[in-house]
Every structure is written in C-alpha cells, then in structure tokens.
C-alpha cells in the first residue's frame, strides 16, 4: 500500500489539520488514566511543528451520540498534550463554526489548536458532506494519524479528503500500514497466526483471508470450544456458538486440504464456577465434564504453542488464550505473550485484549509492532480496505 505521508509534502508556513486517536480512558473526575494514544501521536505532531506549520488537532472521545456531553470533552487531552510538547495547546469548545474558523485563521507557525470532540455532532458519523467541507476549510493539508478510526468512513477520517487539497498519512498510520498490510502481503515463513478471544464469528473472516498465506493457526480462547465441539469432543459448559459449528468445521477441513497446521488446545484449565477464587482443575482433551467450563489453556497446550512460536519467522497474535482478566485464568495468555517476547520472529500484536495482556505482563517493548487499533487491525487481518486509509493520496 503506497500512500503519501507527511514527509512527502512541504509543510512550511502551511496550516495542517490532523485526525488523531485521543480516545483515552478517563476516571470519574475526568483525569486521563492512560495517555498511550497521545504519546503515540507525538512523533507526527512534533514533525509537523518542526517543519514550520501551524496545527489543528481533531479527535473523538467516547460515545457522546451527537450531543455535547462534558464528560467526553477533549480538554483534558489538550492539557496533557501541552505538557508533553512543553508548548501551549489552545482549546476551543467546538470543531466547526465561526469561532473555530476565526481561531484557525489566526494561527501562526508553531501554534497548536485542539478542536472539541468531533462526535458531538451527528454529522461526523454520518460522514456528512457539509460537515466534511467545513473541517477541510480550516487548513491547507489534512493528515490522518488515527489508525484506530481508519476503518470508519466518518467525516474526519474519509469525508474530509474529498475537500482537502492534500491528504496524507502520519507516522503512526504509516507504521501500521508497513507492519500490518505489507507484512500480510508477503510474510516471511513460517508464518504463524495466533487467534484467541470469545467468538468464532468475530474472527471468521480472519481465518478465511489468511488460509492461503499462513503455515500454522494456533487457536484458543472461548472460540476454541466451538471448533472442538464441531469435532465431537466434550466441552461441558464452555463457551460455544452453536450456529458457528458448521463454519468452524469447514475452516478446519479447508486448512487440512491446504496443508495448513491447525492447532487447538490439547488440555484445559476448567472450573465449575467462573469466579476469582474458583478451584482449578487441569483436564485432557476429552476430560471436560458436563458441569465444568474451560477458562484457560493447560500446560501441554502452552508447551505445544511455544514450540511452534519458537520456529516461526512471522507471528501475528489477536485475542487472549482464556479469561485473562481473572488472574487465576491468565497463565496461558501470559505464557504466549512471553513466548512472543522471546521470539526472534517479526511479532505483530493487535486487538484490545491482546494488547492489554502485553501491557499487564510488561512486555510491550519486546514486540516488533503493537497495533493501536483494535477494530481496524482486525479488519486489516480480514483483508478489508480501510476507508480512512484508502482515501489518502497515493504516491
């Protein structure tokens, strides 16, 4: 995918409007509890300012559903960004209108203006033409650095490009393209894809898209029990999507026909009740009783998965191995995270839960690329073209 970036355009003396993903978590008092997404946009923001441009920043935060709700204001993000840049970030309480236009027009090189939450307007999610035009009119150059929203055809991600004279990617978006799109196009082999999480239905397209490229699927998490059930194995009260059994069986059948190694759990950590202090039992492939639910992969599976991971040259991981949010059920997920961290392969991790597990294990910096977009990275694994990315100028 060959899209222009901020380095392909002259920014000196220009007004730049950038779409970032500052959808950060806030506590009850409106304080930011994790500024990772703000930090991730800093390289692009700093580069634009160093080139002698003035900068207008826009983002969404939360789900205000077209209403101006104070708890979803981007003001705390403006304050935090100002601290990180050691530069004043002016904040304005709307993203369109006469006041915004005046503030944008008065910007001087080096100035930074942050607009209020774009989703305070219904027109944002509707990708409204007039709204897109108003956003584009504020600047000379549009930059998209919000991978987490690139799979949405919204006014600030896709509509604006119809009216902006120049539309390019920021460094964060460029990095996502490089690692996700380009790696998937020609992965170094053996190529291993680790798929976890609750539902087969949410990852069905991932399996179908990657069957022709992958050497081995390692499948665990809740979704594994739909696959196991389709093979006639006992799953007790483990999670299952009954309506997906045929699809699950067909995926395995197709994998076998294409000589793709398709590995499911060999043993399971089971409980009678899903709670923090539940008594854990480890059972074999056929050992899940009617009154038990699987909550994690067992030691045999961990060892098996680790062997495959150790031999891989490219690894993509999306989805946890069990209910990792409960510490007693987190071992499988953390052991897989450790195996990736120790691997010499190119390692790419996407999806909110996988990334959260990496953070919890303190291993984020040991991974080649940690994707910033949950839904967007999943859609890229499915082979979909992201609207916010497709709309940018080609080189």
Protein backbone atom coordinates (compact mmCIF):
# COMPACT_ATOMS: atom_id res chain seq x y z
CA UNK A 1 0.00 0.00 0.00
CA UNK A 2 1.71 3.12 -1.25
CA UNK A 3 0.26 6.24 0.38
CA UNK A 4 1.84 9.67 0.74
CA UNK A 5 2.97 10.67 4.23
CA UNK A 6 3.76 13.99 5.93
CA UNK A 7 7.32 13.65 4.61
CA UNK A 8 6.08 13.83 1.01
CA UNK A 9 4.66 17.36 1.28
CA UNK A 10 6.04 20.81 2.04
CA UNK A 11 4.52 21.94 5.34
CA UNK A 12 6.43 25.19 5.83
CA UNK A 13 4.03 28.05 6.51
CA UNK A 14 1.03 25.75 5.98
CA UNK A 15 -1.97 25.15 8.21
CA UNK A 16 -2.29 21.43 8.90
CA UNK A 17 -5.36 19.66 10.30
CA UNK A 18 -4.61 16.24 11.80
CA UNK A 19 -7.02 13.49 12.80
CA UNK A 20 -5.60 11.69 15.83
CA UNK A 21 -6.98 8.97 18.09
CA UNK A 22 -7.14 10.61 21.52
CA UNK A 23 -9.95 8.30 22.66
CA UNK A 24 -8.21 7.88 26.02
CA UNK A 25 -9.63 6.40 29.25
CA UNK A 26 -10.76 8.95 31.84
CA UNK A 27 -11.56 8.46 35.54
CA UNK A 28 -14.70 9.72 37.29
CA UNK A 29 -13.06 13.13 37.77
CA UNK A 30 -12.19 13.47 34.08
CA UNK A 31 -8.48 12.76 34.57
CA UNK A 32 -6.63 10.72 31.91
CA UNK A 33 -5.66 7.29 33.29
CA UNK A 34 -3.57 6.17 30.29
CA UNK A 35 -2.01 8.61 27.79
CA UNK A 36 -0.55 5.95 25.45
CA UNK A 37 -2.60 7.17 22.49
CA UNK A 38 -1.48 10.76 22.99
CA UNK A 39 2.15 9.67 23.25
CA UNK A 40 1.76 7.59 20.06
CA UNK A 41 0.82 10.70 18.04
CA UNK A 42 3.72 12.82 19.31
CA UNK A 43 6.25 11.99 16.55
CA UNK A 44 3.88 13.19 13.83
CA UNK A 45 2.76 16.27 15.78
CA UNK A 46 6.34 17.28 16.59
CA UNK A 47 7.48 16.75 12.99
CA UNK A 48 4.68 18.97 11.62
CA UNK A 49 5.55 21.77 14.04
CA UNK A 50 9.29 21.45 13.29
CA UNK A 51 8.53 21.99 9.59
CA UNK A 52 7.18 25.45 10.34
CA UNK A 53 3.46 24.66 10.16
CA UNK A 54 0.60 25.56 12.47
CA UNK A 55 -1.50 22.65 13.63
CA UNK A 56 -5.19 21.96 14.22
CA UNK A 57 -5.94 18.72 16.05
CA UNK A 58 -9.21 16.79 15.96
CA UNK A 59 -10.34 13.53 17.51
CA UNK A 60 -13.30 11.77 19.02
CA UNK A 61 -13.60 10.56 22.61
CA UNK A 62 -16.15 8.06 23.90
CA UNK A 63 -19.68 7.74 22.55
CA UNK A 64 -21.47 11.06 23.05
CA UNK A 65 -24.01 10.15 20.32
CA UNK A 66 -24.13 13.57 18.70
CA UNK A 67 -24.52 15.53 21.93
CA UNK A 68 -22.07 17.93 23.60
CA UNK A 69 -21.52 15.99 26.82
CA UNK A 70 -18.89 17.49 29.18
CA UNK A 71 -17.67 14.05 30.31
CA UNK A 72 -16.49 13.40 26.73
CA UNK A 73 -14.67 16.71 26.28
CA UNK A 74 -11.18 16.63 24.77
CA UNK A 75 -10.00 19.44 27.08
CA UNK A 76 -8.02 17.06 29.35
CA UNK A 77 -6.23 15.82 26.19
CA UNK A 78 -5.31 19.39 25.24
CA UNK A 79 -3.83 19.94 28.69
CA UNK A 80 -1.87 16.68 28.61
CA UNK A 81 -0.59 17.27 25.08
CA UNK A 82 0.58 20.75 26.12
CA UNK A 83 2.57 19.17 28.96
CA UNK A 84 4.16 16.60 26.64
CA UNK A 85 5.03 19.19 23.98
CA UNK A 86 6.08 21.81 26.55
CA UNK A 87 4.04 24.14 24.38
CA UNK A 88 0.64 25.75 24.85
CA UNK A 89 -2.22 23.89 23.17
CA UNK A 90 -5.16 26.23 22.63
CA UNK A 91 -8.52 24.56 23.08
CA UNK A 92 -11.82 25.57 21.51
CA UNK A 93 -15.19 24.15 22.54
CA UNK A 94 -16.41 23.13 19.07
CA UNK A 95 -14.97 21.72 15.85
CA UNK A 96 -16.92 23.81 13.31
CA UNK A 97 -18.48 27.29 13.23
CA UNK A 98 -17.43 30.95 13.11
CA UNK A 99 -15.36 30.87 16.32
CA UNK A 100 -13.40 27.84 15.13
CA UNK A 101 -12.80 29.42 11.70
CA UNK A 102 -11.53 32.63 13.35
CA UNK A 103 -9.20 30.72 15.70
CA UNK A 104 -7.84 28.64 12.81
CA UNK A 105 -7.28 31.72 10.62
CA UNK A 106 -5.26 33.45 13.36
CA UNK A 107 -2.84 30.54 13.89
CA UNK A 108 0.85 31.32 13.40
CA UNK A 109 3.62 28.78 12.62
CA UNK A 110 4.25 26.67 15.73
CA UNK A 111 0.77 27.30 17.17
CA UNK A 112 -1.41 24.33 18.17
CA UNK A 113 -5.21 24.38 18.35
CA UNK A 114 -7.27 21.43 19.56
CA UNK A 115 -10.89 21.19 18.47
CA UNK A 116 -13.64 19.76 20.62
CA UNK A 117 -14.87 16.16 20.15
CA UNK A 118 -15.97 15.63 16.52
CA UNK A 119 -18.66 13.19 17.69
CA UNK A 120 -20.51 15.99 19.49
CA UNK A 121 -22.04 16.36 16.00
CA UNK A 122 -24.14 13.60 14.43
CA UNK A 123 -22.77 14.68 11.06
CA UNK A 124 -19.38 13.17 11.96
CA UNK A 125 -20.53 9.53 11.99
CA UNK A 126 -22.94 10.17 9.10
CA UNK A 127 -19.95 11.32 7.01
CA UNK A 128 -21.95 14.43 6.12
CA UNK A 129 -20.62 16.34 3.12
CA UNK A 130 -21.16 19.86 4.50
CA UNK A 131 -19.57 18.93 7.83
CA UNK A 132 -16.58 17.38 5.99
CA UNK A 133 -16.23 20.53 3.87
CA UNK A 134 -16.20 22.76 6.97
CA UNK A 135 -13.44 20.70 8.58
CA UNK A 136 -11.35 20.73 5.38
CA UNK A 137 -11.73 24.51 5.01
CA UNK A 138 -9.76 25.11 8.22
CA UNK A 139 -6.39 24.05 6.76
CA UNK A 140 -4.19 23.54 3.69
CA UNK A 141 -3.15 19.96 4.43
CA UNK A 142 -5.02 17.04 6.01
CA UNK A 143 -3.11 14.36 7.92
CA UNK A 144 -4.65 11.14 9.20
CA UNK A 145 -2.74 9.56 12.09
CA UNK A 146 -5.72 7.81 13.70
CA UNK A 147 -5.37 4.14 12.78
CA UNK A 148 -7.91 3.22 15.49
CA UNK A 149 -10.58 5.07 13.48
CA UNK A 150 -9.32 4.37 9.94
CA UNK A 151 -11.88 1.58 9.46
CA UNK A 152 -14.70 4.11 9.90
CA UNK A 153 -15.93 6.15 6.93
CA UNK A 154 -16.60 9.26 9.03
CA UNK A 155 -16.33 12.92 8.14
CA UNK A 156 -12.99 13.42 9.93
CA UNK A 157 -11.43 10.24 8.52
CA UNK A 158 -12.83 9.87 5.00
CA UNK A 159 -15.22 12.68 4.04
CA UNK A 160 -12.67 15.44 4.65
CA UNK A 161 -10.33 14.01 1.99
CA UNK A 162 -12.85 14.91 -0.74
CA UNK A 163 -12.33 18.61 0.03
CA UNK A 164 -8.75 18.80 1.34
CA UNK A 165 -6.18 19.82 -1.28
CA UNK A 166 -3.67 17.35 0.19
CA UNK A 167 -4.43 14.23 2.28
CA UNK A 168 -1.55 12.21 3.71
CA UNK A 169 -0.71 9.69 6.45
CA UNK A 170 1.08 10.46 9.70
CA UNK A 171 3.91 8.31 11.03
CA UNK A 172 1.68 6.16 13.22
CA UNK A 173 -0.63 5.30 10.33
CA UNK A 174 2.39 4.69 8.09
CA UNK A 175 3.79 2.26 10.68
CA UNK A 176 0.50 0.34 10.83
CA UNK A 177 0.45 0.06 7.02
CA UNK A 178 4.07 -1.11 7.00
CA UNK A 179 3.60 -3.79 9.64
CA UNK A 180 0.05 -4.98 9.03
CA UNK A 181 -0.70 -4.52 5.33
CA UNK A 182 2.80 -5.07 3.96
CA UNK A 183 3.70 -7.95 6.28
CA UNK A 184 0.46 -9.75 5.49
CA UNK A 185 1.07 -9.26 1.78
CA UNK A 186 4.37 -11.20 1.92
CA UNK A 187 5.13 -12.71 5.35
CA UNK A 188 8.46 -14.41 5.98
CA UNK A 189 7.82 -18.11 6.59
CA UNK A 190 6.99 -20.00 8.73
CA UNK A 191 4.04 -17.64 9.29
CA UNK A 192 2.08 -18.36 12.47
CA UNK A 193 -1.22 -16.71 13.39
CA UNK A 194 -2.44 -16.99 16.97
CA UNK A 195 -6.17 -16.44 17.24
CA UNK A 196 -7.96 -16.20 20.57
CA UNK A 197 -10.94 -14.45 22.08
CA UNK A 198 -14.51 -15.45 22.65
CA UNK A 199 -16.21 -15.93 19.29
CA UNK A 200 -15.52 -17.70 16.01
CA UNK A 201 -18.00 -15.32 14.34
CA UNK A 202 -15.82 -12.28 15.11
CA UNK A 203 -12.72 -13.91 13.53
CA UNK A 204 -14.27 -15.99 10.73
CA UNK A 205 -13.06 -13.58 8.03
CA UNK A 206 -9.54 -13.61 9.51
CA UNK A 207 -9.32 -17.38 9.06
CA UNK A 208 -10.74 -17.21 5.53
CA UNK A 209 -8.44 -14.37 4.46
CA UNK A 210 -5.24 -15.91 5.83
CA UNK A 211 -5.74 -19.59 4.91
CA UNK A 212 -3.69 -19.15 1.73
CA UNK A 213 -0.82 -17.37 3.49
CA UNK A 214 -0.42 -18.95 6.91
CA UNK A 215 1.61 -22.05 7.84
CA UNK A 216 0.01 -22.60 11.24
CA UNK A 217 -3.01 -21.38 13.19
CA UNK A 218 -2.84 -21.62 16.98
CA UNK A 219 -6.43 -21.32 18.19
CA UNK A 220 -7.53 -20.89 21.81
CA UNK A 221 -9.79 -18.80 24.00
CA UNK A 222 -13.55 -19.26 24.09
CA UNK A 223 -13.76 -19.75 20.33
CA UNK A 224 -11.71 -22.97 20.53
CA UNK A 225 -14.67 -24.79 22.09
CA UNK A 226 -16.88 -24.24 19.06
CA UNK A 227 -14.14 -25.90 16.97
CA UNK A 228 -13.73 -28.75 19.48
CA UNK A 229 -17.49 -29.30 19.70
CA UNK A 230 -17.70 -29.46 15.89
CA UNK A 231 -15.19 -32.36 16.12
CA UNK A 232 -17.46 -34.17 18.58
CA UNK A 233 -15.33 -33.51 21.67
CA UNK A 234 -16.90 -32.75 25.09
CA UNK A 235 -16.83 -29.08 26.11
CA UNK A 236 -19.12 -29.09 29.20
CA UNK A 237 -20.35 -25.58 29.95
CA UNK A 238 -17.57 -23.89 27.97
CA UNK A 239 -18.45 -21.04 25.65
CA UNK A 240 -19.94 -22.11 22.34
CA UNK A 241 -21.54 -20.54 19.28
CA UNK A 242 -23.79 -23.39 18.17
CA UNK A 243 -24.71 -21.62 14.93
CA UNK A 244 -20.98 -21.47 14.00
CA UNK A 245 -20.20 -25.18 14.37
CA UNK A 246 -20.50 -25.93 10.65
CA UNK A 247 -18.34 -22.91 9.73
CA UNK A 248 -15.74 -23.95 12.31
CA UNK A 249 -15.63 -27.50 10.97
CA UNK A 250 -15.33 -26.23 7.38
CA UNK A 251 -12.40 -23.93 8.31
CA UNK A 252 -10.52 -26.93 9.75
CA UNK A 253 -11.39 -29.02 6.69
CA UNK A 254 -10.12 -26.31 4.34
CA UNK A 255 -6.95 -25.87 6.43
CA UNK A 256 -6.28 -29.60 6.16
CA UNK A 257 -6.81 -29.50 2.38
CA UNK A 258 -4.34 -26.62 2.08
CA UNK A 259 -1.86 -28.40 4.40
CA UNK A 260 -2.13 -25.64 6.99
CA UNK A 261 -1.33 -26.78 10.54
CA UNK A 262 -4.42 -26.01 12.64
CA UNK A 263 -3.81 -26.48 16.37
CA UNK A 264 -6.41 -26.42 19.13
CA UNK A 265 -5.92 -26.84 22.91
CA UNK A 266 -4.62 -30.27 23.99
CA UNK A 267 -5.64 -29.70 27.61
CA UNK A 268 -7.72 -27.22 29.55
CA UNK A 269 -7.94 -25.35 32.82
CA UNK A 270 -11.53 -25.91 33.96
CA UNK A 271 -13.74 -24.63 36.79
CA UNK A 272 -17.25 -25.34 37.98
CA UNK A 273 -17.92 -21.65 38.52
CA UNK A 274 -16.30 -18.64 36.84
CA UNK A 275 -15.12 -16.55 39.80
CA UNK A 276 -11.81 -15.27 41.22
CA UNK A 277 -11.34 -17.99 43.82
CA UNK A 278 -12.69 -20.91 41.77
CA UNK A 279 -10.97 -24.26 42.24
CA UNK A 280 -8.90 -25.02 39.14
CA UNK A 281 -8.56 -28.43 37.52
CA UNK A 282 -6.43 -29.40 34.53
CA UNK A 283 -8.02 -31.96 32.21
CA UNK A 284 -7.03 -33.56 28.93
CA UNK A 285 -8.63 -33.30 25.51
CA UNK A 286 -11.62 -35.50 26.38
CA UNK A 287 -11.74 -34.60 30.06
CA UNK A 288 -14.18 -31.67 30.35
CA UNK A 289 -17.16 -32.74 32.47
CA UNK A 290 -20.74 -31.54 31.94
CA UNK A 291 -20.55 -29.24 34.99
CA UNK A 292 -17.20 -27.68 34.01
CA UNK A 293 -16.24 -24.69 31.86
CA UNK A 294 -12.81 -24.17 30.28
CA UNK A 295 -11.25 -20.83 31.22
CA UNK A 296 -7.64 -21.18 30.02
CA UNK A 297 -5.27 -23.45 28.11
CA UNK A 298 -3.40 -26.11 30.09
CA UNK A 299 0.37 -26.82 30.38
CA UNK A 300 0.50 -29.27 27.42
CA UNK A 301 -1.07 -26.67 25.15
CA UNK A 302 1.28 -23.94 26.41
CA UNK A 303 4.28 -26.18 25.66
CA UNK A 304 2.89 -27.10 22.22
CA UNK A 305 2.18 -23.48 21.27
CA UNK A 306 5.63 -22.40 22.49
CA UNK A 307 7.35 -24.95 20.21
CA UNK A 308 5.51 -23.57 17.18
CA UNK A 309 6.21 -19.94 18.18
CA UNK A 310 9.95 -20.68 18.63
CA UNK A 311 10.27 -21.85 15.00
CA UNK A 312 8.24 -19.04 13.40
CA UNK A 313 9.66 -16.14 11.36
CA UNK A 314 6.46 -14.05 11.35
CA UNK A 315 3.82 -14.12 14.10
CA UNK A 316 0.51 -12.29 14.31
CA UNK A 317 -1.47 -12.52 17.56
CA UNK A 318 -5.06 -11.39 18.03
CA UNK A 319 -7.09 -12.45 21.06
CA UNK A 320 -6.33 -13.92 24.52
CA UNK A 321 -5.99 -17.63 25.35
CA UNK A 322 -8.57 -17.53 28.15
CA UNK A 323 -10.36 -15.25 30.62
CA UNK A 324 -7.10 -13.41 31.36
CA UNK A 325 -8.89 -10.58 33.21
CA UNK A 326 -9.12 -13.00 36.17
CA UNK A 327 -5.57 -13.60 37.42
CA UNK A 328 -6.09 -17.32 38.06
CA UNK A 329 -7.15 -17.82 34.43
CA UNK A 330 -4.38 -15.70 32.86
CA UNK A 331 -1.41 -18.07 32.75
CA UNK A 332 -1.93 -19.27 29.16
CA UNK A 333 -2.25 -15.74 27.79
CA UNK A 334 0.82 -14.53 29.68
CA UNK A 335 2.91 -17.55 28.65
CA UNK A 336 2.07 -16.92 24.99
CA UNK A 337 2.99 -13.24 25.49
CA UNK A 338 6.34 -14.30 27.00
CA UNK A 339 6.98 -16.69 24.10
CA UNK A 340 6.39 -13.89 21.60
CA UNK A 341 8.65 -11.55 23.58
CA UNK A 342 11.43 -14.16 23.49
CA UNK A 343 10.95 -14.95 19.80
CA UNK A 344 13.37 -13.76 17.10
CA UNK A 345 10.47 -13.54 14.64
CA UNK A 346 8.73 -10.40 13.45
CA UNK A 347 5.91 -10.19 16.00
CA UNK A 348 2.72 -8.21 15.49
CA UNK A 349 0.04 -7.94 18.16
CA UNK A 350 -3.39 -6.40 17.54
CA UNK A 351 -6.72 -6.33 19.33
CA UNK A 352 -7.54 -4.61 22.60
CA UNK A 353 -7.38 -7.69 24.85
CA UNK A 354 -4.06 -8.97 23.47
CA UNK A 355 -2.51 -5.52 23.84
CA UNK A 356 -3.92 -5.21 27.38
CA UNK A 357 -2.39 -8.60 28.27
CA UNK A 358 1.00 -7.49 26.90
CA UNK A 359 0.85 -4.31 28.96
CA UNK A 360 -0.16 -6.24 32.07
CA UNK A 361 2.80 -8.58 31.53
CA UNK A 362 5.15 -5.62 30.93
CA UNK A 363 6.25 -7.00 27.55
CA UNK A 364 5.05 -4.34 25.09
CA UNK A 365 8.57 -3.16 24.27
CA UNK A 366 9.65 -6.72 23.37
CA UNK A 367 7.19 -6.93 20.44
CA UNK A 368 8.09 -5.76 16.92
CA UNK A 369 4.78 -3.92 16.47
CA UNK A 370 1.83 -3.40 18.78
CA UNK A 371 -1.15 -2.13 16.79
CA UNK A 372 -3.02 0.89 18.13
CA UNK A 373 -6.36 -0.03 16.57
CA UNK A 374 -8.48 -2.96 17.72
CA UNK A 375 -11.25 -2.95 15.12
CA UNK A 376 -9.00 -1.51 12.43
CA UNK A 377 -6.27 -4.13 12.88
CA UNK A 378 -8.90 -6.89 12.83
CA UNK A 379 -10.34 -5.57 9.56
CA UNK A 380 -6.85 -5.44 8.07
CA UNK A 381 -6.32 -9.09 9.07
CA UNK A 382 -9.62 -9.80 7.30
CA UNK A 383 -8.18 -8.29 4.12
CA UNK A 384 -10.53 -5.31 4.08
CA UNK A 385 -9.53 -1.93 2.68
CA UNK A 386 -9.92 0.69 5.42
CA UNK A 387 -11.89 3.73 4.20
CA UNK A 388 -9.74 6.27 6.08
CA UNK A 389 -6.61 4.77 4.57
CA UNK A 390 -7.93 4.22 1.04
CA UNK A 391 -8.98 7.90 0.84
CA UNK A 392 -5.44 9.26 1.28
CA UNK A 393 -3.32 10.45 -1.65
CA UNK A 394 -1.25 7.83 -3.45
CA UNK A 395 2.46 8.32 -4.03
